[in-house]
Amino acid sequence: MTRNEQSKLTRRGFLGVAAGASALAAQGCAGLAPKSSRRPNVVYVFSDEHRWQSMSFTELPEVHTPNMAQLASQGTEFVNCISNYPVCSPHRAMLLTGRWPYEQGVIDNNIPLSPDQMTIGKAFQQSGYRTAYIGKWHLGGTRAEPFGFDHSLIWGRTNTHWDESVYYPEGDIPVQPKGYNATLMSDQAIDYMRANAAGPFFLMLSLNPPHANFLDAPEPELARYSEGSLPRRPNTSGLEPGTGEQQDVLNANDWEHYRGYHAHISAIDAELGRIMQTIDELGIADDTILIYTSDHGSMFGSHGVGSKRQPYEESIRVPFLVRWPGRVPEGQRVDPLFGTIDICPTLCSLAGAEIPEAFQGQDFAGHLLGRRGPEPESQFIMHISKENASRGNDHPAPIFRGVRTDRYTYSILADGTGILFDNETDPYQLDNRYHDDRLVGQRDAHHAMLRDWLEKASDPFPIGA
């Protein structure tokens, strides 16, 4: 079946309010009968730089994330959610457009996204939704209306999390409120939900923490973690603190920064809890799809490096939690390889919105509704450009293209060297088996997958025959 045929099938199955409700029942939604026929609201909350490993119910029980744990228990988790391009602007451009970087132009940070692109905001608008974008943007400009959002509150200067951030209401004159910016953004999202509780609405809330500055997390959250109380991953090295008043984020792997990173995660958890509480108080939980995820992860000394832009699990694997009472099964963990590129068609399908032909990913809604869905062989991973990174082209992260399969991570670097990790036998990716003759078949198979992805994504990266 072609991608277009899949899109048309999805649209036919989810057209209209009553038709969408009956289709869910008719297609065998694991006994989950709809509680109402109204179109669901969608609240898409995403933070910046939150790796999958740093939650209480994944690999770090010492970190305080009770609301994320509750959301996972009340809904479904994609346990293999892959950030196809683990950098802020490229991820956001893929998230909004459902298109690969070379198809929409955002191949690094600080490259503006063209408003001529079809976006998820426009898709929901065209399906009769009120739409809103609140928080960090990082795609150029200060308005989200040209991208399909009726309500736009874009925030800037967000990396300093207290008192210095600004947001742009209608009229584009910035406002500089006092407080922790994640709380202030969440306040705005809560106000929007209260004003639009009759629905249906599509709300994207983009929170900056736990992105650096790692040292300005709220004091009550910092106080949770005494020195050494948060274990490191076994592949961690290079923890010497940097020098200077503002430490280089690439080397910010010492205890104070690691502690601050996780304190920010706990603060984001608290904001997620407020969102969940508001949805419940408004009585719209049964009619609201709530999602928590992140744009990419963070290394924190794993493999001796910091930040993102890496092919390793700490960089590319992120949370993806979905709650929709009565439709999405509780406590379910699904393991298909789900990528950034798949978010647009999946959200449209879940909500019964038409999936635009421009979206290049696959519809994974079936996995969330107790039915079958795509089982992709791999997800494409990449780091295309670092001209706009910290230190520019001197940034130590390698330019690469690769694939993540259910067992292996395979990458070709710009210098021609290769990486092949067996994540089943080597979960911390300590043994590069690219030159292991016993895995030559796997290496060749993954190379062929990568070649196919490059063609699909119009990516000119040279990898050889």
Protein backbone atom coordinates (compact mmCIF):
# COMPACT_ATOMS: atom_id res chain seq x y z
CA MET A 1 0.00 0.00 0.00
CA THR A 2 1.42 3.44 -0.90
CA ARG A 3 1.75 6.36 1.51
CA ASN A 4 -1.05 8.22 -0.30
CA GLU A 5 -3.32 5.17 -0.12
CA GLN A 6 -2.59 4.91 3.60
CA SER A 7 -3.47 8.59 4.04
CA LYS A 8 -6.73 8.21 2.14
CA LEU A 9 -7.66 5.10 4.10
CA THR A 10 -6.99 6.98 7.32
CA ARG A 11 -9.13 9.90 6.23
CA ARG A 12 -12.00 7.65 5.22
CA GLY A 13 -11.86 5.90 8.58
CA PHE A 14 -11.97 9.10 10.58
CA LEU A 15 -14.15 11.54 8.63
CA GLY A 16 -16.60 13.50 10.69
CA VAL A 17 -17.60 13.49 14.30
CA ALA A 18 -20.08 10.62 14.43
CA ALA A 19 -18.27 8.72 11.70
CA GLY A 20 -15.03 9.00 13.63
CA ALA A 21 -16.63 7.61 16.77
CA SER A 22 -18.26 4.72 14.96
CA ALA A 23 -15.07 3.93 13.05
CA LEU A 24 -13.16 3.51 16.28
CA ALA A 25 -15.69 0.98 17.49
CA ALA A 26 -16.04 -0.75 14.14
CA GLN A 27 -12.27 -1.16 13.71
CA GLY A 28 -11.91 -3.08 16.94
CA CYS A 29 -10.61 -0.61 19.50
CA ALA A 30 -9.90 -3.35 22.07
CA GLY A 31 -13.29 -2.91 23.72
CA LEU A 32 -12.76 0.82 24.30
CA ALA A 33 -16.15 2.28 23.45
CA PRO A 34 -16.21 6.06 22.88
CA LYS A 35 -17.82 8.03 25.68
CA SER A 36 -18.98 10.86 23.42
CA SER A 37 -19.10 11.72 19.75
CA ARG A 38 -17.51 15.17 19.99
CA ARG A 39 -14.14 15.74 18.39
CA PRO A 40 -11.39 15.57 20.97
CA ASN A 41 -9.26 18.48 22.07
CA VAL A 42 -5.51 17.95 21.66
CA VAL A 43 -3.03 19.32 24.22
CA TYR A 44 0.53 18.73 23.03
CA VAL A 45 3.06 19.57 25.75
CA PHE A 46 6.73 19.32 24.83
CA SER A 47 9.83 20.30 26.72
CA ASP A 48 13.34 20.92 25.39
CA GLU A 49 16.14 18.37 25.87
CA HIS A 50 14.40 15.79 28.07
CA ARG A 51 15.90 12.36 27.41
CA TRP A 52 13.82 9.20 27.81
CA GLN A 53 16.21 7.74 30.38
CA SER A 54 15.54 10.54 32.91
CA MET A 55 12.12 9.62 34.31
CA SER A 56 11.18 7.74 37.45
CA PHE A 57 9.51 4.90 35.55
CA THR A 58 12.18 4.40 32.86
CA GLU A 59 15.81 4.30 34.03
CA LEU A 60 16.06 6.78 36.90
CA PRO A 61 13.68 6.04 39.80
CA GLU A 62 15.53 8.64 41.88
CA VAL A 63 14.21 11.53 39.78
CA HIS A 64 10.89 13.03 40.92
CA THR A 65 8.40 12.76 38.03
CA PRO A 66 5.12 11.60 39.59
CA ASN A 67 2.89 13.33 37.02
CA MET A 68 4.73 11.84 34.07
CA ALA A 69 4.42 8.46 35.78
CA GLN A 70 0.70 9.06 36.30
CA LEU A 71 0.25 10.10 32.68
CA ALA A 72 2.02 6.91 31.55
CA SER A 73 -0.17 4.78 33.84
CA GLN A 74 -3.34 6.49 32.59
CA GLY A 75 -2.41 6.15 28.93
CA THR A 76 0.07 4.69 26.48
CA GLU A 77 3.82 5.18 26.09
CA PHE A 78 5.78 4.88 22.88
CA VAL A 79 8.92 3.38 24.40
CA ASN A 80 10.94 3.81 21.22
CA CYS A 81 10.17 7.40 20.28
CA ILE A 82 13.09 8.66 18.19
CA SER A 83 13.99 12.28 17.56
CA ASN A 84 14.99 11.98 13.92
CA TYR A 85 17.13 15.13 14.14
CA PRO A 86 18.08 15.84 17.78
CA VAL A 87 18.46 19.63 17.51
CA CYS A 88 15.90 22.29 18.49
CA SER A 89 14.95 24.08 15.26
CA PRO A 90 15.19 21.07 12.92
CA HIS A 91 13.00 19.01 15.24
CA ARG A 92 10.42 21.78 15.51
CA ALA A 93 10.30 22.27 11.76
CA MET A 94 9.71 18.53 11.28
CA LEU A 95 7.12 18.55 14.06
CA LEU A 96 5.13 21.39 12.47
CA THR A 97 5.43 20.37 8.82
CA GLY A 98 5.72 16.57 8.94
CA ARG A 99 8.49 16.89 6.35
CA TRP A 100 12.19 16.05 6.22
CA PRO A 101 14.72 18.88 6.67
CA TYR A 102 15.80 19.10 3.02
CA GLU A 103 12.13 19.20 1.99
CA GLN A 104 11.28 22.24 4.17
CA GLY A 105 14.69 23.92 4.53
CA VAL A 106 15.42 23.91 8.27
CA ILE A 107 18.69 21.98 8.40
CA ASP A 108 20.13 23.65 11.53
CA ASN A 109 19.19 26.02 14.33
CA ASN A 110 18.27 29.63 13.62
CA ILE A 111 16.93 29.03 10.11
CA PRO A 112 13.41 30.43 9.68
CA LEU A 113 10.61 28.14 8.60
CA SER A 114 8.64 29.34 5.58
CA PRO A 115 4.96 30.07 6.31
CA ASP A 116 4.18 28.68 2.86
CA GLN A 117 4.57 25.18 4.26
CA MET A 118 1.58 23.04 5.15
CA THR A 119 1.64 22.63 8.93
CA ILE A 120 -0.15 20.69 11.61
CA GLY A 121 -1.74 23.96 12.77
CA LYS A 122 -3.23 24.51 9.31
CA ALA A 123 -4.41 20.90 9.16
CA PHE A 124 -6.34 21.30 12.42
CA GLN A 125 -7.67 24.71 11.40
CA GLN A 126 -9.00 23.25 8.17
CA SER A 127 -10.74 20.54 10.19
CA GLY A 128 -12.66 23.10 12.25
CA TYR A 129 -10.39 23.37 15.30
CA ARG A 130 -9.39 26.47 17.21
CA THR A 131 -5.60 26.38 17.36
CA ALA A 132 -2.98 27.85 19.69
CA TYR A 133 0.79 27.86 20.07
CA ILE A 134 2.33 29.01 23.36
CA GLY A 135 6.01 28.97 24.33
CA LYS A 136 9.39 28.55 22.70
CA TRP A 137 9.31 28.79 18.89
CA HIS A 138 12.89 28.88 17.53
CA LEU A 139 11.76 28.95 13.89
CA GLY A 140 12.17 32.65 13.12
CA GLY A 141 9.89 35.56 13.85
CA THR A 142 7.48 36.10 16.71
CA ARG A 143 4.11 35.12 15.23
CA ALA A 144 2.56 31.68 14.83
CA GLU A 145 -0.57 32.82 12.96
CA PRO A 146 1.01 32.35 9.50
CA PHE A 147 1.61 28.71 10.43
CA GLY A 148 -2.01 27.91 11.25
CA PHE A 149 -2.42 29.06 14.85
CA ASP A 150 -5.30 31.38 15.75
CA HIS A 151 -3.77 32.20 19.12
CA SER A 152 -0.04 32.99 19.24
CA LEU A 153 2.10 33.66 22.30
CA ILE A 154 5.69 33.13 21.15
CA TRP A 155 8.40 33.38 23.81
CA GLY A 156 11.97 34.54 23.33
CA ARG A 157 15.14 34.69 25.45
CA THR A 158 13.96 31.48 27.08
CA ASN A 159 17.31 29.91 28.04
CA THR A 160 17.47 32.11 31.12
CA HIS A 161 14.50 30.70 32.93
CA TRP A 162 13.78 33.48 35.44
CA ASP A 163 12.59 37.05 34.81
CA GLU A 164 14.42 37.71 31.50
CA SER A 165 12.20 35.86 29.01
CA VAL A 166 9.71 37.81 26.91
CA TYR A 167 6.56 36.86 25.03
CA TYR A 168 4.82 38.51 22.10
CA PRO A 169 1.07 39.08 22.33
CA GLU A 170 -0.92 40.44 19.40
CA GLY A 171 0.73 43.65 18.27
CA ASP A 172 4.23 42.23 18.62
CA ILE A 173 5.30 44.48 21.51
CA PRO A 174 7.15 42.14 23.88
CA VAL A 175 6.07 41.64 27.47
CA GLN A 176 8.65 40.68 30.10
CA PRO A 177 6.94 39.06 33.10
CA LYS A 178 8.67 37.94 36.28
CA GLY A 179 8.89 34.32 37.29
CA TYR A 180 9.94 30.88 36.06
CA ASN A 181 9.15 30.87 32.35
CA ALA A 182 7.78 27.32 32.28
CA THR A 183 5.23 28.28 34.94
CA LEU A 184 4.30 31.47 33.10
CA MET A 185 3.84 29.61 29.82
CA SER A 186 1.74 26.98 31.58
CA ASP A 187 -0.39 29.75 33.12
CA GLN A 188 -1.13 30.99 29.60
CA ALA A 189 -1.98 27.48 28.42
CA ILE A 190 -4.32 26.98 31.37
CA ASP A 191 -6.04 30.31 30.63
CA TYR A 192 -6.48 29.23 27.03
CA MET A 193 -8.01 25.89 28.00
CA ARG A 194 -10.42 27.58 30.40
CA ALA A 195 -11.51 30.05 27.71
CA ASN A 196 -11.95 27.33 25.09
CA ALA A 197 -13.22 24.42 27.16
CA ALA A 198 -16.23 23.97 24.84
CA GLY A 199 -13.72 22.82 22.21
CA PRO A 200 -12.56 21.45 20.01
CA PHE A 201 -9.13 23.05 20.31
CA PHE A 202 -5.58 22.11 19.35
CA LEU A 203 -3.01 23.54 21.76
CA MET A 204 0.77 23.23 21.53
CA LEU A 205 2.70 24.22 24.68
CA SER A 206 6.47 24.40 24.16
CA LEU A 207 8.40 24.61 27.44
CA ASN A 208 12.11 25.52 27.48
CA PRO A 209 13.44 23.60 30.52
CA PRO A 210 15.30 21.33 31.05
CA HIS A 211 17.37 23.04 28.33
CA ALA A 212 20.37 24.99 29.64
CA ASN A 213 20.77 27.17 31.71
CA PHE A 214 20.94 24.11 33.96
CA LEU A 215 21.89 26.11 37.05
CA ASP A 216 18.67 28.12 37.50
CA ALA A 217 16.15 25.41 38.33
CA PRO A 218 13.60 26.26 41.05
CA GLU A 219 15.08 25.94 44.54
CA PRO A 220 12.41 23.52 45.86
CA GLU A 221 13.25 21.13 43.03
CA LEU A 222 16.99 21.51 43.54
CA ALA A 223 16.50 20.71 47.22
CA ARG A 224 15.20 17.24 46.30
CA TYR A 225 18.64 16.13 45.17
CA SER A 226 21.58 15.95 47.56
CA GLU A 227 24.99 15.51 45.98
CA GLY A 228 25.36 12.12 44.35
CA SER A 229 21.69 11.18 44.79
CA LEU A 230 21.14 10.81 41.04
CA PRO A 231 23.13 7.93 39.53
CA ARG A 232 25.00 8.30 36.26
CA ARG A 233 24.64 6.04 33.27
CA PRO A 234 27.47 3.47 33.12
CA ASN A 235 28.79 4.99 29.87
CA THR A 236 29.52 8.34 31.53
CA SER A 237 32.98 9.93 31.52
CA GLY A 238 34.55 13.38 31.26
CA LEU A 239 32.84 15.06 34.21
CA GLU A 240 35.43 17.71 34.99
CA PRO A 241 33.74 21.09 35.47
CA GLY A 242 34.38 23.79 32.91
CA THR A 243 35.90 27.16 33.57
CA GLY A 244 34.61 30.70 33.51
CA GLU A 245 31.53 32.37 34.86
CA GLN A 246 29.20 30.83 32.24
CA GLN A 247 30.32 27.26 31.69
CA ASP A 248 30.41 25.93 28.15
CA VAL A 249 27.23 23.86 27.83
CA LEU A 250 29.14 21.21 25.89
CA ASN A 251 31.23 20.52 29.00
CA ALA A 252 28.50 21.11 31.58
CA ASN A 253 28.44 17.53 32.82
CA ASP A 254 29.52 17.99 36.45
CA TRP A 255 27.24 17.32 39.42
CA GLU A 256 25.74 20.81 39.74
CA HIS A 257 24.66 20.85 36.11
CA TYR A 258 23.42 17.25 36.21
CA ARG A 259 21.46 18.05 39.37
CA GLY A 260 20.03 21.21 37.81
CA TYR A 261 18.99 19.36 34.67
CA HIS A 262 16.95 16.89 36.67
CA ALA A 263 15.56 19.60 38.94
CA HIS A 264 14.25 21.31 35.81
CA ILE A 265 12.68 17.99 34.75
CA SER A 266 10.93 17.82 38.13
CA ALA A 267 9.73 21.40 37.63
CA ILE A 268 8.36 20.50 34.20
CA ASP A 269 6.65 17.51 35.82
CA ALA A 270 4.91 19.91 38.21
CA GLU A 271 3.69 22.04 35.30
CA LEU A 272 2.40 18.93 33.55
CA GLY A 273 0.54 18.11 36.75
CA ARG A 274 -1.13 21.53 36.66
CA ILE A 275 -2.20 20.94 33.05
CA MET A 276 -3.63 17.54 33.98
CA GLN A 277 -5.44 18.99 36.98
CA THR A 278 -6.97 21.77 34.89
CA ILE A 279 -8.22 19.32 32.25
CA ASP A 280 -9.83 17.28 35.01
CA GLU A 281 -11.35 20.32 36.74
CA LEU A 282 -12.87 21.51 33.46
CA GLY A 283 -14.51 18.13 33.01
CA ILE A 284 -12.97 17.64 29.58
CA ALA A 285 -10.54 14.78 30.30
CA ASP A 286 -12.61 12.22 28.40
CA ASP A 287 -12.64 14.52 25.38
CA THR A 288 -8.98 15.54 25.47
CA ILE A 289 -5.91 13.85 24.00
CA LEU A 290 -3.03 14.88 26.25
CA ILE A 291 0.56 14.29 25.13
CA TYR A 292 3.89 14.85 26.83
CA THR A 293 7.15 14.57 24.90
CA SER A 294 10.40 16.42 24.14
CA ASP A 295 12.31 17.57 21.08
CA HIS A 296 15.49 15.60 21.82
CA GLY A 297 17.60 14.31 24.68
CA SER A 298 20.89 15.30 26.30
CA MET A 299 24.18 13.46 26.75
CA PHE A 300 25.39 14.61 30.20
CA GLY A 301 28.76 12.93 30.02
CA SER A 302 27.68 9.73 28.31
CA HIS A 303 30.46 8.89 25.86
CA GLY A 304 32.36 11.83 27.37
CA VAL A 305 30.26 14.54 25.73
CA GLY A 306 27.43 16.92 26.59
CA SER A 307 24.44 18.45 24.87
CA LYS A 308 22.76 16.79 21.85
CA ARG A 309 23.48 16.42 18.07
CA GLN A 310 24.71 12.86 18.64
CA PRO A 311 23.61 9.43 17.28
CA TYR A 312 23.54 7.93 20.78
CA GLU A 313 20.43 6.89 22.73
CA GLU A 314 20.77 9.72 25.26
CA SER A 315 20.42 12.21 22.39
CA ILE A 316 17.83 10.61 20.10
CA ARG A 317 15.41 8.79 22.44
CA VAL A 318 12.66 10.86 24.07
CA PRO A 319 9.44 10.41 26.09
CA PHE A 320 6.13 10.15 24.27
CA LEU A 321 3.13 9.69 26.59
CA VAL A 322 -0.49 9.82 25.40
CA ARG A 323 -3.67 9.90 27.51
CA TRP A 324 -7.21 9.78 26.15
CA PRO A 325 -9.54 8.14 28.70
CA GLY A 326 -11.76 5.47 27.26
CA ARG A 327 -9.95 5.38 23.92
CA VAL A 328 -6.23 4.99 24.58
CA PRO A 329 -5.55 1.96 26.82
CA GLU A 330 -4.19 2.61 30.30
CA GLY A 331 -0.72 1.44 31.23
CA GLN A 332 0.10 0.29 27.71
CA ARG A 333 3.68 0.34 26.41
CA VAL A 334 4.11 -0.04 22.67
CA ASP A 335 7.47 -0.54 21.04
CA PRO A 336 7.26 0.24 17.29
CA LEU A 337 9.88 2.74 16.14
CA PHE A 338 7.98 6.05 16.19
CA GLY A 339 9.74 9.19 14.95
CA THR A 340 9.35 12.95 14.82
CA ILE A 341 8.29 12.59 11.18
CA ASP A 342 5.27 10.50 12.24
CA ILE A 343 3.78 12.91 14.77
CA CYS A 344 1.77 15.05 12.32
CA PRO A 345 -0.18 12.23 10.63
CA THR A 346 -0.66 10.41 13.93
CA LEU A 347 -2.17 13.40 15.73
CA CYS A 348 -4.43 14.22 12.79
CA SER A 349 -5.65 10.63 12.62
CA LEU A 350 -6.26 10.41 16.36
CA ALA A 351 -8.38 13.56 16.32
CA GLY A 352 -10.24 12.78 13.11
CA ALA A 353 -8.59 15.64 11.22
CA GLU A 354 -7.75 15.16 7.56
CA ILE A 355 -4.12 14.16 6.95
CA PRO A 356 -2.56 16.49 4.35
CA GLU A 357 -0.75 14.81 1.47
CA ALA A 358 2.34 16.92 2.33
CA PHE A 359 3.00 14.96 5.54
CA GLN A 360 5.72 12.38 4.90
CA GLY A 361 5.49 10.20 8.01
CA GLN A 362 3.22 7.30 8.92
CA ASP A 363 0.01 7.18 10.97
CA PHE A 364 0.61 5.34 14.27
CA ALA A 365 -2.84 6.04 15.75
CA GLY A 366 -3.74 2.35 15.57
CA HIS A 367 -1.06 1.52 18.14
CA LEU A 368 -2.71 3.99 20.52
CA LEU A 369 -6.24 2.72 19.95
CA GLY A 370 -5.70 -0.96 20.62
CA ARG A 371 -5.46 -1.78 16.92
CA ARG A 372 -2.58 -2.48 14.56
CA GLY A 373 -0.32 0.13 13.04
CA PRO A 374 2.96 0.53 11.18
CA GLU A 375 5.91 -1.61 12.23
CA PRO A 376 8.77 0.26 10.55
CA GLU A 377 12.05 -1.52 10.12
CA SER A 378 13.98 1.60 11.11
CA GLN A 379 13.92 5.31 11.86
CA PHE A 380 16.20 7.74 10.05
CA ILE A 381 18.54 9.74 12.34
CA MET A 382 20.74 12.67 11.32
CA HIS A 383 22.90 15.66 12.13
CA ILE A 384 23.07 17.74 8.95
CA SER A 385 24.74 21.02 9.91
CA LYS A 386 26.37 22.71 12.89
CA GLU A 387 27.18 26.14 11.50
CA ASN A 388 24.67 27.64 13.95
CA ALA A 389 25.59 25.44 16.92
CA SER A 390 27.57 26.50 19.97
CA ARG A 391 31.15 26.95 18.65
CA GLY A 392 29.81 26.65 15.10
CA ASN A 393 31.73 24.16 12.98
CA ASP A 394 34.11 23.61 15.90
CA HIS A 395 31.27 21.94 17.78
CA PRO A 396 32.54 18.44 18.64
CA ALA A 397 29.38 16.56 17.60
CA PRO A 398 29.88 14.69 14.32
CA ILE A 399 27.88 15.28 11.17
CA PHE A 400 26.20 11.93 10.49
CA ARG A 401 23.33 10.03 8.94
CA GLY A 402 22.10 6.76 10.35
CA VAL A 403 19.26 4.42 11.22
CA ARG A 404 17.92 3.18 14.52
CA THR A 405 16.30 -0.27 14.28
CA ASP A 406 14.69 -2.31 17.04
CA ARG A 407 18.09 -3.79 17.90
CA TYR A 408 20.87 -1.77 16.27
CA THR A 409 22.08 1.80 15.84
CA TYR A 410 24.01 2.36 12.61
CA SER A 411 25.60 5.65 11.51
CA ILE A 412 28.01 6.92 8.88
CA LEU A 413 29.97 10.02 9.89
CA ALA A 414 31.07 12.77 7.54
CA ASP A 415 34.68 11.58 7.75
CA GLY A 416 33.64 8.18 6.43
CA THR A 417 33.92 6.29 9.72
CA GLY A 418 31.04 4.15 10.93
CA ILE A 419 29.17 3.18 14.08
CA LEU A 420 27.28 -0.06 14.71
CA PHE A 421 25.92 -0.78 18.18
CA ASP A 422 23.98 -3.85 19.23
CA ASN A 423 21.59 -2.22 21.70
CA GLU A 424 20.31 -5.59 22.91
CA THR A 425 23.66 -6.92 24.13
CA ASP A 426 25.27 -3.49 24.62
CA PRO A 427 22.52 -1.13 25.91
CA TYR A 428 25.02 1.58 26.86
CA GLN A 429 26.63 1.52 23.41
CA LEU A 430 30.17 0.95 24.60
CA ASP A 431 31.30 -1.50 21.90
CA ASN A 432 31.37 -0.17 18.33
CA ARG A 433 31.10 -3.27 16.15
CA TYR A 434 31.25 -1.57 12.78
CA HIS A 435 34.39 -3.53 11.86
CA ASP A 436 33.26 -6.81 13.44
CA ASP A 437 33.27 -9.43 10.66
CA ARG A 438 30.59 -11.37 12.52
CA LEU A 439 28.15 -8.50 11.91
CA VAL A 440 29.01 -7.78 8.28
CA GLY A 441 25.51 -8.90 7.25
CA GLN A 442 23.90 -6.47 9.70
CA ARG A 443 26.22 -3.69 8.59
CA ASP A 444 25.32 -4.21 4.93
CA ALA A 445 21.60 -4.45 5.68
CA HIS A 446 21.62 -1.25 7.71
CA HIS A 447 23.67 0.52 5.05
CA ALA A 448 20.99 -0.38 2.50
CA MET A 449 18.26 0.94 4.83
CA LEU A 450 20.18 4.19 5.21
CA ARG A 451 20.56 4.55 1.45
CA ASP A 452 16.79 4.18 1.08
CA TRP A 453 16.11 6.80 3.74
CA LEU A 454 18.46 9.29 2.09
CA GLU A 455 16.53 8.91 -1.15
CA LYS A 456 13.13 9.28 0.56
CA ALA A 457 14.27 12.39 2.43
CA SER A 458 15.98 14.04 -0.59
CA ASP A 459 19.18 14.06 1.46
CA PRO A 460 22.42 14.39 -0.57
CA PHE A 461 24.73 13.04 2.18
CA PRO A 462 27.31 10.71 0.54
CA ILE A 463 27.62 7.25 2.11
CA GLY A 464 29.15 5.22 -0.72
CA ALA A 465 27.80 2.08 -2.33
